[in-house]
């Protein structure tokens, strides 16, 4: 595991965290205490690559057009949550639907 990998907690276990109150620094709470956050909506984006072009070229694109991206075939894609890079992954096919599997969790710089 490298310094950018981040181990995910066991969601069935108790988690120790600082709730912002100095009196709670060592207090252990279960995941059920965080249940109010489970319904908070987030935007998840999987970015295959990027491309820059003049607006005139963009307007010429149509069905069947090929858009060259800045990534190579097989290269990891970026996974963003609320516009923040959180992971890298691979495109997978699951029961005729396209999905993404995370292969690397990106540790946030604070």
PDB file of N, CA and C in Angstrom:
ATOM      1  N   UNK A   1       0.853  -1.176   0.000  1.00  0.00           N
ATOM      2  CA  UNK A   1       0.000   0.000   0.000  1.00  0.00           C
ATOM      3  C   UNK A   1       0.894   1.232   0.000  1.00  0.00           C
ATOM      4  N   UNK A   2       0.607   2.216  -0.902  1.00  0.00           N
ATOM      5  CA  UNK A   2       1.416   3.432  -0.938  1.00  0.00           C
ATOM      6  C   UNK A   2       0.750   4.537  -0.125  1.00  0.00           C
ATOM      7  N   UNK A   3       1.407   5.700  -0.059  1.00  0.00           N
ATOM      8  CA  UNK A   3       0.905   6.777   0.797  1.00  0.00           C
ATOM      9  C   UNK A   3      -0.384   7.405   0.271  1.00  0.00           C
ATOM     10  N   UNK A   4      -0.783   7.085  -0.975  1.00  0.00           N
ATOM     11  CA  UNK A   4      -2.036   7.621  -1.492  1.00  0.00           C
ATOM     12  C   UNK A   4      -3.208   6.673  -1.250  1.00  0.00           C
ATOM     13  N   UNK A   5      -2.937   5.425  -0.865  1.00  0.00           N
ATOM     14  CA  UNK A   5      -4.002   4.473  -0.580  1.00  0.00           C
ATOM     15  C   UNK A   5      -4.583   4.769   0.789  1.00  0.00           C
ATOM     16  N   UNK A   6      -5.849   4.490   0.949  1.00  0.00           N
ATOM     17  CA  UNK A   6      -6.526   4.755   2.201  1.00  0.00           C
ATOM     18  C   UNK A   6      -7.386   3.551   2.532  1.00  0.00           C
ATOM     19  N   UNK A   7      -7.176   2.947   3.671  1.00  0.00           N
ATOM     20  CA  UNK A   7      -7.973   1.801   4.073  1.00  0.00           C
ATOM     21  C   UNK A   7      -9.366   2.276   4.467  1.00  0.00           C
ATOM     22  N   UNK A   8     -10.397   1.569   3.994  1.00  0.00           N
ATOM     23  CA  UNK A   8     -11.763   1.915   4.329  1.00  0.00           C
ATOM     24  C   UNK A   8     -12.145   1.249   5.647  1.00  0.00           C
ATOM     25  N   UNK A   9     -12.916   1.938   6.499  1.00  0.00           N
ATOM     26  CA  UNK A   9     -13.295   1.344   7.787  1.00  0.00           C
ATOM     27  C   UNK A   9     -14.327   0.249   7.591  1.00  0.00           C
ATOM     28  N   UNK A  10     -14.366  -0.682   8.542  1.00  0.00           N
ATOM     29  CA  UNK A  10     -15.397  -1.703   8.575  1.00  0.00           C
ATOM     30  C   UNK A  10     -16.667  -1.021   9.084  1.00  0.00           C
ATOM     31  N   UNK A  11     -17.687  -0.926   8.226  1.00  0.00           N
ATOM     32  CA  UNK A  11     -18.882  -0.164   8.583  1.00  0.00           C
ATOM     33  C   UNK A  11     -19.705  -0.831   9.677  1.00  0.00           C
ATOM     34  N   UNK A  12     -19.409  -2.063   9.998  1.00  0.00           N
ATOM     35  CA  UNK A  12     -20.120  -2.742  11.069  1.00  0.00           C
ATOM     36  C   UNK A  12     -19.452  -2.546  12.417  1.00  0.00           C
ATOM     37  N   UNK A  13     -18.272  -1.981  12.438  1.00  0.00           N
ATOM     38  CA  UNK A  13     -17.507  -1.825  13.675  1.00  0.00           C
ATOM     39  C   UNK A  13     -17.707  -0.435  14.269  1.00  0.00           C
ATOM     40  N   UNK A  14     -17.319  -0.303  15.520  1.00  0.00           N
ATOM     41  CA  UNK A  14     -17.344   1.015  16.154  1.00  0.00           C
ATOM     42  C   UNK A  14     -16.205   1.851  15.594  1.00  0.00           C
ATOM     43  N   UNK A  15     -16.439   3.144  15.451  1.00  0.00           N
ATOM     44  CA  UNK A  15     -15.447   4.058  14.906  1.00  0.00           C
ATOM     45  C   UNK A  15     -15.168   5.131  15.939  1.00  0.00           C
ATOM     46  N   UNK A  16     -13.916   5.437  16.156  1.00  0.00           N
ATOM     47  CA  UNK A  16     -13.536   6.485  17.091  1.00  0.00           C
ATOM     48  C   UNK A  16     -13.244   7.747  16.298  1.00  0.00           C
ATOM     49  N   UNK A  17     -13.889   8.855  16.643  1.00  0.00           N
ATOM     50  CA  UNK A  17     -13.644  10.103  15.931  1.00  0.00           C
ATOM     51  C   UNK A  17     -13.875  11.294  16.836  1.00  0.00           C
ATOM     52  N   UNK A  18     -13.352  12.424  16.422  1.00  0.00           N
ATOM     53  CA  UNK A  18     -13.511  13.685  17.141  1.00  0.00           C
ATOM     54  C   UNK A  18     -14.714  14.398  16.556  1.00  0.00           C
ATOM     55  N   UNK A  19     -15.758  14.554  17.338  1.00  0.00           N
ATOM     56  CA  UNK A  19     -16.985  15.198  16.860  1.00  0.00           C
ATOM     57  C   UNK A  19     -16.894  16.714  16.935  1.00  0.00           C
ATOM     58  N   UNK A  20     -15.705  17.250  17.153  1.00  0.00           N
ATOM     59  CA  UNK A  20     -15.544  18.697  17.216  1.00  0.00           C
ATOM     60  C   UNK A  20     -15.571  19.237  18.628  1.00  0.00           C
ATOM     61  N   UNK A  21     -16.005  18.420  19.574  1.00  0.00           N
ATOM     62  CA  UNK A  21     -16.066  18.818  20.982  1.00  0.00           C
ATOM     63  C   UNK A  21     -14.871  18.188  21.691  1.00  0.00           C
ATOM     64  N   UNK A  22     -14.003  18.988  22.327  1.00  0.00           N
ATOM     65  CA  UNK A  22     -12.834  18.427  22.996  1.00  0.00           C
ATOM     66  C   UNK A  22     -13.180  17.313  23.985  1.00  0.00           C
ATOM     67  N   UNK A  23     -14.379  17.328  24.535  1.00  0.00           N
ATOM     68  CA  UNK A  23     -14.799  16.285  25.469  1.00  0.00           C
ATOM     69  C   UNK A  23     -15.094  14.970  24.782  1.00  0.00           C
ATOM     70  N   UNK A  24     -15.270  14.977  23.470  1.00  0.00           N
ATOM     71  CA  UNK A  24     -15.621  13.762  22.734  1.00  0.00           C
ATOM     72  C   UNK A  24     -14.442  13.150  21.980  1.00  0.00           C
ATOM     73  N   UNK A  25     -13.238  13.629  22.210  1.00  0.00           N
ATOM     74  CA  UNK A  25     -12.090  13.208  21.417  1.00  0.00           C
ATOM     75  C   UNK A  25     -11.921  11.697  21.431  1.00  0.00           C
ATOM     76  N   UNK A  26     -12.057  11.049  22.560  1.00  0.00           N
ATOM     77  CA  UNK A  26     -11.827   9.608  22.655  1.00  0.00           C
ATOM     78  C   UNK A  26     -13.119   8.810  22.723  1.00  0.00           C
ATOM     79  N   UNK A  27     -14.248   9.451  22.510  1.00  0.00           N
ATOM     80  CA  UNK A  27     -15.527   8.767  22.575  1.00  0.00           C
ATOM     81  C   UNK A  27     -15.705   7.894  21.349  1.00  0.00           C
ATOM     82  N   UNK A  28     -16.120   6.647  21.547  1.00  0.00           N
ATOM     83  CA  UNK A  28     -16.348   5.723  20.443  1.00  0.00           C
ATOM     84  C   UNK A  28     -17.822   5.755  20.081  1.00  0.00           C
ATOM     85  N   UNK A  29     -18.084   5.891  18.772  1.00  0.00           N
ATOM     86  CA  UNK A  29     -19.460   5.907  18.286  1.00  0.00           C
ATOM     87  C   UNK A  29     -19.599   4.891  17.173  1.00  0.00           C
ATOM     88  N   UNK A  30     -20.784   4.395  16.977  1.00  0.00           N
ATOM     89  CA  UNK A  30     -21.003   3.423  15.907  1.00  0.00           C
ATOM     90  C   UNK A  30     -21.440   4.154  14.646  1.00  0.00           C
ATOM     91  N   UNK A  31     -21.405   3.445  13.530  1.00  0.00           N
ATOM     92  CA  UNK A  31     -21.804   4.016  12.253  1.00  0.00           C
ATOM     93  C   UNK A  31     -23.264   4.459  12.297  1.00  0.00           C
ATOM     94  N   UNK A  32     -24.085   3.816  13.094  1.00  0.00           N
ATOM     95  CA  UNK A  32     -25.494   4.209  13.175  1.00  0.00           C
ATOM     96  C   UNK A  32     -25.647   5.646  13.680  1.00  0.00           C
ATOM     97  N   UNK A  33     -24.650   6.150  14.419  1.00  0.00           N
ATOM     98  CA  UNK A  33     -24.691   7.550  14.860  1.00  0.00           C
ATOM     99  C   UNK A  33     -24.546   8.509  13.686  1.00  0.00           C
ATOM    100  N   UNK A  34     -24.008   8.033  12.571  1.00  0.00           N
ATOM    101  CA  UNK A  34     -23.831   8.857  11.373  1.00  0.00           C
ATOM    102  C   UNK A  34     -24.986   8.687  10.393  1.00  0.00           C
ATOM    103  N   UNK A  35     -26.005   7.952  10.791  1.00  0.00           N
ATOM    104  CA  UNK A  35     -27.117   7.624   9.896  1.00  0.00           C
ATOM    105  C   UNK A  35     -27.785   8.855   9.292  1.00  0.00           C
ATOM    106  N   UNK A  36     -27.791   9.979   9.979  1.00  0.00           N
ATOM    107  CA  UNK A  36     -28.408  11.191   9.446  1.00  0.00           C
ATOM    108  C   UNK A  36     -27.696  11.691   8.192  1.00  0.00           C
ATOM    109  N   UNK A  37     -26.456  11.259   7.980  1.00  0.00           N
ATOM    110  CA  UNK A  37     -25.702  11.669   6.794  1.00  0.00           C
ATOM    111  C   UNK A  37     -25.951  10.759   5.591  1.00  0.00           C
ATOM    112  N   UNK A  38     -26.550   9.599   5.794  1.00  0.00           N
ATOM    113  CA  UNK A  38     -26.710   8.618   4.725  1.00  0.00           C
ATOM    114  C   UNK A  38     -27.549   9.131   3.566  1.00  0.00           C
ATOM    115  N   UNK A  39     -28.457  10.058   3.791  1.00  0.00           N
ATOM    116  CA  UNK A  39     -29.332  10.570   2.731  1.00  0.00           C
ATOM    117  C   UNK A  39     -28.846  11.889   2.133  1.00  0.00           C
ATOM    118  N   UNK A  40     -27.652  12.335   2.492  1.00  0.00           N
ATOM    119  CA  UNK A  40     -27.108  13.577   1.933  1.00  0.00           C
ATOM    120  C   UNK A  40     -26.716  13.297   0.478  1.00  0.00           C
ATOM    121  N   UNK A  41     -27.297  14.044  -0.469  1.00  0.00           N
ATOM    122  CA  UNK A  41     -26.977  13.784  -1.884  1.00  0.00           C
ATOM    123  C   UNK A  41     -25.585  14.275  -2.245  1.00  0.00           C
ATOM    124  N   UNK A  42     -24.893  13.496  -3.068  1.00  0.00           N
ATOM    125  CA  UNK A  42     -23.587  13.870  -3.590  1.00  0.00           C
ATOM    126  C   UNK A  42     -23.595  13.607  -5.094  1.00  0.00           C
ATOM    127  N   UNK A  43     -22.734  14.314  -5.813  1.00  0.00           N
ATOM    128  CA  UNK A  43     -22.585  14.115  -7.253  1.00  0.00           C
ATOM    129  C   UNK A  43     -21.315  13.327  -7.491  1.00  0.00           C
ATOM    130  N   UNK A  44     -21.445  12.182  -8.167  1.00  0.00           N
ATOM    131  CA  UNK A  44     -20.304  11.333  -8.484  1.00  0.00           C
ATOM    132  C   UNK A  44     -20.083  11.383  -9.987  1.00  0.00           C
ATOM    133  N   UNK A  45     -18.837  11.671 -10.397  1.00  0.00           N
ATOM    134  CA  UNK A  45     -18.486  11.749 -11.813  1.00  0.00           C
ATOM    135  C   UNK A  45     -17.303  10.835 -12.080  1.00  0.00           C
ATOM    136  N   UNK A  46     -17.378  10.094 -13.176  1.00  0.00           N
ATOM    137  CA  UNK A  46     -16.260   9.274 -13.636  1.00  0.00           C
ATOM    138  C   UNK A  46     -15.764   9.900 -14.930  1.00  0.00           C
ATOM    139  N   UNK A  47     -14.529  10.405 -14.919  1.00  0.00           N
ATOM    140  CA  UNK A  47     -13.993  11.142 -16.062  1.00  0.00           C
ATOM    141  C   UNK A  47     -13.063  10.230 -16.850  1.00  0.00           C
ATOM    142  N   UNK A  48     -13.457   9.923 -18.086  1.00  0.00           N
ATOM    143  CA  UNK A  48     -12.658   9.076 -18.961  1.00  0.00           C
ATOM    144  C   UNK A  48     -11.447   9.810 -19.508  1.00  0.00           C
ATOM    145  N   UNK A  49     -11.569  11.117 -19.700  1.00  0.00           N
ATOM    146  CA  UNK A  49     -10.482  11.921 -20.232  1.00  0.00           C
ATOM    147  C   UNK A  49     -10.994  13.303 -20.585  1.00  0.00           C
ATOM    148  N   UNK A  50     -10.097  14.142 -21.078  1.00  0.00           N
ATOM    149  CA  UNK A  50     -10.430  15.512 -21.442  1.00  0.00           C
ATOM    150  C   UNK A  50      -9.937  15.807 -22.850  1.00  0.00           C
ATOM    151  N   UNK A  51     -10.527  16.821 -23.450  1.00  0.00           N
ATOM    152  CA  UNK A  51     -10.099  17.274 -24.766  1.00  0.00           C
ATOM    153  C   UNK A  51     -10.406  18.761 -24.874  1.00  0.00           C
ATOM    154  N   UNK A  52      -9.530  19.488 -25.538  1.00  0.00           N
ATOM    155  CA  UNK A  52      -9.766  20.916 -25.784  1.00  0.00           C
ATOM    156  C   UNK A  52      -9.877  21.131 -27.284  1.00  0.00           C
ATOM    157  N   UNK A  53     -10.846  21.973 -27.665  1.00  0.00           N
ATOM    158  CA  UNK A  53     -11.028  22.284 -29.080  1.00  0.00           C
ATOM    159  C   UNK A  53     -11.752  23.606 -29.216  1.00  0.00           C
ATOM    160  N   UNK A  54     -11.577  24.258 -30.343  1.00  0.00           N
ATOM    161  CA  UNK A  54     -12.314  25.498 -30.595  1.00  0.00           C
ATOM    162  C   UNK A  54     -13.816  25.217 -30.714  1.00  0.00           C
ATOM    163  N   UNK A  55     -14.622  26.194 -30.380  1.00  0.00           N
ATOM    164  CA  UNK A  55     -16.082  26.053 -30.443  1.00  0.00           C
ATOM    165  C   UNK A  55     -16.516  25.654 -31.854  1.00  0.00           C
ATOM    166  N   UNK A  56     -15.867  26.198 -32.873  1.00  0.00           N
ATOM    167  CA  UNK A  56     -16.218  25.854 -34.254  1.00  0.00           C
ATOM    168  C   UNK A  56     -16.081  24.366 -34.525  1.00  0.00           C
ATOM    169  N   UNK A  57     -15.014  23.739 -34.018  1.00  0.00           N
ATOM    170  CA  UNK A  57     -14.828  22.291 -34.180  1.00  0.00           C
ATOM    171  C   UNK A  57     -15.865  21.513 -33.379  1.00  0.00           C
ATOM    172  N   UNK A  58     -16.206  22.008 -32.201  1.00  0.00           N
ATOM    173  CA  UNK A  58     -17.214  21.360 -31.365  1.00  0.00           C
ATOM    174  C   UNK A  58     -18.564  21.331 -32.079  1.00  0.00           C
ATOM    175  N   UNK A  59     -18.915  22.423 -32.745  1.00  0.00           N
ATOM    176  CA  UNK A  59     -20.195  22.499 -33.444  1.00  0.00           C
ATOM    177  C   UNK A  59     -20.247  21.568 -34.659  1.00  0.00           C
ATOM    178  N   UNK A  60     -19.088  21.166 -35.166  1.00  0.00           N
ATOM    179  CA  UNK A  60     -19.039  20.253 -36.306  1.00  0.00           C
ATOM    180  C   UNK A  60     -19.204  18.793 -35.907  1.00  0.00           C
ATOM    181  N   UNK A  61     -19.136  18.481 -34.599  1.00  0.00           N
ATOM    182  CA  UNK A  61     -19.290  17.104 -34.147  1.00  0.00           C
ATOM    183  C   UNK A  61     -20.722  16.627 -34.362  1.00  0.00           C
ATOM    184  N   UNK A  62     -20.863  15.393 -34.701  1.00  0.00           N
ATOM    185  CA  UNK A  62     -22.182  14.805 -34.889  1.00  0.00           C
ATOM    186  C   UNK A  62     -22.133  13.327 -34.556  1.00  0.00           C
ATOM    187  N   UNK A  63     -23.246  12.624 -34.756  1.00  0.00           N
ATOM    188  CA  UNK A  63     -23.264  11.183 -34.494  1.00  0.00           C
ATOM    189  C   UNK A  63     -22.148  10.486 -35.280  1.00  0.00           C
ATOM    190  N   UNK A  64     -21.402   9.629 -34.604  1.00  0.00           N
ATOM    191  CA  UNK A  64     -20.312   8.909 -35.240  1.00  0.00           C
ATOM    192  C   UNK A  64     -18.985   9.625 -35.207  1.00  0.00           C
ATOM    193  N   UNK A  65     -18.952  10.875 -34.736  1.00  0.00           N
ATOM    194  CA  UNK A  65     -17.689  11.608 -34.630  1.00  0.00           C
ATOM    195  C   UNK A  65     -16.804  10.969 -33.561  1.00  0.00           C
ATOM    196  N   UNK A  66     -15.511  11.012 -33.775  1.00  0.00           N
ATOM    197  CA  UNK A  66     -14.551  10.495 -32.799  1.00  0.00           C
ATOM    198  C   UNK A  66     -13.878  11.677 -32.122  1.00  0.00           C
ATOM    199  N   UNK A  67     -13.909  11.677 -30.809  1.00  0.00           N
ATOM    200  CA  UNK A  67     -13.303  12.742 -30.014  1.00  0.00           C
ATOM    201  C   UNK A  67     -12.091  12.172 -29.311  1.00  0.00           C
ATOM    202  N   UNK A  68     -10.902  12.655 -29.643  1.00  0.00           N
ATOM    203  CA  UNK A  68      -9.675  12.157 -29.037  1.00  0.00           C
ATOM    204  C   UNK A  68      -9.525  12.726 -27.628  1.00  0.00           C
ATOM    205  N   UNK A  69      -9.270  11.837 -26.662  1.00  0.00           N
ATOM    206  CA  UNK A  69      -9.100  12.236 -25.271  1.00  0.00           C
ATOM    207  C   UNK A  69      -7.625  12.191 -24.900  1.00  0.00           C
ATOM    208  N   UNK A  70      -7.299  12.768 -23.742  1.00  0.00           N
ATOM    209  CA  UNK A  70      -5.910  12.838 -23.295  1.00  0.00           C
ATOM    210  C   UNK A  70      -5.455  11.595 -22.531  1.00  0.00           C
ATOM    211  N   UNK A  71      -6.179  10.491 -22.637  1.00  0.00           N
ATOM    212  CA  UNK A  71      -5.835   9.245 -21.949  1.00  0.00           C
ATOM    213  C   UNK A  71      -5.626   8.128 -22.960  1.00  0.00           C
ATOM    214  N   UNK A  72      -4.867   7.133 -22.543  1.00  0.00           N
ATOM    215  CA  UNK A  72      -4.643   5.958 -23.373  1.00  0.00           C
ATOM    216  C   UNK A  72      -5.613   4.854 -22.967  1.00  0.00           C
ATOM    217  N   UNK A  73      -5.871   3.928 -23.859  1.00  0.00           N
ATOM    218  CA  UNK A  73      -6.731   2.782 -23.564  1.00  0.00           C
ATOM    219  C   UNK A  73      -6.122   2.014 -22.391  1.00  0.00           C
ATOM    220  N   UNK A  74      -6.943   1.664 -21.415  1.00  0.00           N
ATOM    221  CA  UNK A  74      -6.474   0.920 -20.258  1.00  0.00           C
ATOM    222  C   UNK A  74      -5.965   1.785 -19.117  1.00  0.00           C
ATOM    223  N   UNK A  75      -5.801   3.082 -19.354  1.00  0.00           N
ATOM    224  CA  UNK A  75      -5.337   3.991 -18.302  1.00  0.00           C
ATOM    225  C   UNK A  75      -6.478   4.237 -17.316  1.00  0.00           C
ATOM    226  N   UNK A  76      -6.143   4.412 -16.044  1.00  0.00           N
ATOM    227  CA  UNK A  76      -7.149   4.627 -15.005  1.00  0.00           C
ATOM    228  C   UNK A  76      -7.962   5.891 -15.276  1.00  0.00           C
ATOM    229  N   UNK A  77      -9.230   5.844 -14.896  1.00  0.00           N
ATOM    230  CA  UNK A  77     -10.087   7.021 -15.001  1.00  0.00           C
ATOM    231  C   UNK A  77     -10.172   7.694 -13.634  1.00  0.00           C
ATOM    232  N   UNK A  78     -10.531   8.966 -13.619  1.00  0.00           N
ATOM    233  CA  UNK A  78     -10.647   9.717 -12.372  1.00  0.00           C
ATOM    234  C   UNK A  78     -12.091   9.676 -11.882  1.00  0.00           C
ATOM    235  N   UNK A  79     -12.262   9.494 -10.568  1.00  0.00           N
ATOM    236  CA  UNK A  79     -13.587   9.474  -9.951  1.00  0.00           C
ATOM    237  C   UNK A  79     -13.666  10.661  -9.004  1.00  0.00           C
ATOM    238  N   UNK A  80     -14.643  11.524  -9.248  1.00  0.00           N
ATOM    239  CA  UNK A  80     -14.840  12.736  -8.451  1.00  0.00           C
ATOM    240  C   UNK A  80     -16.134  12.620  -7.652  1.00  0.00           C
ATOM    241  N   UNK A  81     -16.115  13.135  -6.432  1.00  0.00           N
ATOM    242  CA  UNK A  81     -17.325  13.290  -5.622  1.00  0.00           C
ATOM    243  C   UNK A  81     -17.419  14.768  -5.295  1.00  0.00           C
ATOM    244  N   UNK A  82     -18.519  15.386  -5.719  1.00  0.00           N
ATOM    245  CA  UNK A  82     -18.714  16.834  -5.545  1.00  0.00           C
ATOM    246  C   UNK A  82     -17.501  17.618  -6.053  1.00  0.00           C
ATOM    247  N   UNK A  83     -17.052  17.281  -7.247  1.00  0.00           N
ATOM    248  CA  UNK A  83     -15.945  17.953  -7.933  1.00  0.00           C
ATOM    249  C   UNK A  83     -14.595  17.811  -7.227  1.00  0.00           C
ATOM    250  N   UNK A  84     -14.456  16.850  -6.349  1.00  0.00           N
ATOM    251  CA  UNK A  84     -13.180  16.591  -5.666  1.00  0.00           C
ATOM    252  C   UNK A  84     -12.712  15.182  -6.035  1.00  0.00           C
ATOM    253  N   UNK A  85     -11.469  15.089  -6.524  1.00  0.00           N
ATOM    254  CA  UNK A  85     -10.902  13.801  -6.902  1.00  0.00           C
ATOM    255  C   UNK A  85     -10.766  12.934  -5.662  1.00  0.00           C
ATOM    256  N   UNK A  86     -11.425  11.758  -5.669  1.00  0.00           N
ATOM    257  CA  UNK A  86     -11.372  10.879  -4.503  1.00  0.00           C
ATOM    258  C   UNK A  86     -10.799   9.504  -4.827  1.00  0.00           C
ATOM    259  N   UNK A  87     -10.798   9.128  -6.119  1.00  0.00           N
ATOM    260  CA  UNK A  87     -10.336   7.781  -6.454  1.00  0.00           C
ATOM    261  C   UNK A  87      -9.982   7.696  -7.933  1.00  0.00           C
ATOM    262  N   UNK A  88      -9.331   6.593  -8.272  1.00  0.00           N
ATOM    263  CA  UNK A  88      -9.095   6.237  -9.668  1.00  0.00           C
ATOM    264  C   UNK A  88      -9.665   4.850  -9.847  1.00  0.00           C
ATOM    265  N   UNK A  89     -10.045   4.532 -11.081  1.00  0.00           N
ATOM    266  CA  UNK A  89     -10.659   3.233 -11.285  1.00  0.00           C
ATOM    267  C   UNK A  89     -10.614   2.783 -12.725  1.00  0.00           C
ATOM    268  N   UNK A  90     -11.364   1.719 -12.993  1.00  0.00           N
ATOM    269  CA  UNK A  90     -11.444   1.124 -14.319  1.00  0.00           C
ATOM    270  C   UNK A  90     -12.904   1.010 -14.732  1.00  0.00           C
ATOM    271  N   UNK A  91     -13.123   1.118 -16.036  1.00  0.00           N
ATOM    272  CA  UNK A  91     -14.464   0.916 -16.583  1.00  0.00           C
ATOM    273  C   UNK A  91     -14.708  -0.580 -16.654  1.00  0.00           C
ATOM    274  N   UNK A  92     -15.889  -1.011 -16.208  1.00  0.00           N
ATOM    275  CA  UNK A  92     -16.258  -2.427 -16.239  1.00  0.00           C
ATOM    276  C   UNK A  92     -17.637  -2.575 -16.858  1.00  0.00           C
ATOM    277  N   UNK A  93     -17.929  -3.774 -17.339  1.00  0.00           N
ATOM    278  CA  UNK A  93     -19.244  -4.094 -17.884  1.00  0.00           C
ATOM    279  C   UNK A  93     -19.912  -5.053 -16.916  1.00  0.00           C
ATOM    280  N   UNK A  94     -21.091  -4.664 -16.396  1.00  0.00           N
ATOM    281  CA  UNK A  94     -21.823  -5.483 -15.442  1.00  0.00           C
ATOM    282  C   UNK A  94     -23.238  -5.686 -15.983  1.00  0.00           C
ATOM    283  N   UNK A  95     -23.539  -6.914 -16.393  1.00  0.00           N
ATOM    284  CA  UNK A  95     -24.855  -7.249 -16.926  1.00  0.00           C
ATOM    285  C   UNK A  95     -25.300  -6.252 -17.990  1.00  0.00           C
ATOM    286  N   UNK A  96     -24.469  -6.029 -18.988  1.00  0.00           N
ATOM    287  CA  UNK A  96     -24.730  -5.149 -20.121  1.00  0.00           C
ATOM    288  C   UNK A  96     -24.844  -3.667 -19.752  1.00  0.00           C
ATOM    289  N   UNK A  97     -24.397  -3.295 -18.564  1.00  0.00           N
ATOM    290  CA  UNK A  97     -24.369  -1.892 -18.154  1.00  0.00           C
ATOM    291  C   UNK A  97     -22.927  -1.517 -17.870  1.00  0.00           C
ATOM    292  N   UNK A  98     -22.579  -0.276 -18.174  1.00  0.00           N
ATOM    293  CA  UNK A  98     -21.228   0.216 -17.913  1.00  0.00           C
ATOM    294  C   UNK A  98     -21.144   0.683 -16.466  1.00  0.00           C
ATOM    295  N   UNK A  99     -20.070   0.319 -15.800  1.00  0.00           N
ATOM    296  CA  UNK A  99     -19.847   0.729 -14.424  1.00  0.00           C
ATOM    297  C   UNK A  99     -18.393   1.100 -14.220  1.00  0.00           C
ATOM    298  N   UNK A 100     -18.065   1.446 -12.990  1.00  0.00           N
ATOM    299  CA  UNK A 100     -16.701   1.819 -12.634  1.00  0.00           C
ATOM    300  C   UNK A 100     -16.342   1.081 -11.351  1.00  0.00           C
ATOM    301  N   UNK A 101     -15.166   0.490 -11.342  1.00  0.00           N
ATOM    302  CA  UNK A 101     -14.651  -0.121 -10.123  1.00  0.00           C
ATOM    303  C   UNK A 101     -13.460   0.699  -9.642  1.00  0.00           C
ATOM    304  N   UNK A 102     -13.456   1.019  -8.348  1.00  0.00           N
ATOM    305  CA  UNK A 102     -12.360   1.821  -7.798  1.00  0.00           C
ATOM    306  C   UNK A 102     -11.148   0.928  -7.568  1.00  0.00           C
ATOM    307  N   UNK A 103      -9.999   1.373  -8.043  1.00  0.00           N
ATOM    308  CA  UNK A 103      -8.762   0.625  -7.862  1.00  0.00           C
ATOM    309  C   UNK A 103      -7.801   1.340  -6.924  1.00  0.00           C
ATOM    310  N   UNK A 104      -8.033   2.623  -6.694  1.00  0.00           N
ATOM    311  CA  UNK A 104      -7.135   3.415  -5.847  1.00  0.00           C
ATOM    312  C   UNK A 104      -7.930   4.539  -5.200  1.00  0.00           C
ATOM    313  N   UNK A 105      -7.834   4.659  -3.886  1.00  0.00           N
ATOM    314  CA  UNK A 105      -8.452   5.764  -3.154  1.00  0.00           C
ATOM    315  C   UNK A 105      -7.387   6.855  -3.015  1.00  0.00           C
ATOM    316  N   UNK A 106      -7.756   8.082  -3.329  1.00  0.00           N
ATOM    317  CA  UNK A 106      -6.829   9.210  -3.260  1.00  0.00           C
ATOM    318  C   UNK A 106      -6.965   9.863  -1.890  1.00  0.00           C
ATOM    319  N   UNK A 107      -5.855   9.926  -1.178  1.00  0.00           N
ATOM    320  CA  UNK A 107      -5.863  10.556   0.131  1.00  0.00           C
ATOM    321  C   UNK A 107      -5.919  12.075  -0.056  1.00  0.00           C
ATOM    322  N   UNK A 108      -6.839  12.723   0.634  1.00  0.00           N
ATOM    323  CA  UNK A 108      -7.029  14.168   0.505  1.00  0.00           C
ATOM    324  C   UNK A 108      -5.867  14.922   1.124  1.00  0.00           C
ATOM    325  N   UNK A 109      -5.436  15.971   0.426  1.00  0.00           N
ATOM    326  CA  UNK A 109      -4.413  16.878   0.970  1.00  0.00           C
ATOM    327  C   UNK A 109      -5.119  17.886   1.868  1.00  0.00           C
ATOM    328  N   UNK A 110      -4.667  18.044   3.068  1.00  0.00           N
ATOM    329  CA  UNK A 110      -5.330  18.976   3.995  1.00  0.00           C
ATOM    330  C   UNK A 110      -4.449  20.129   4.300  1.00  0.00           C
TER     331      UNK A 110
END
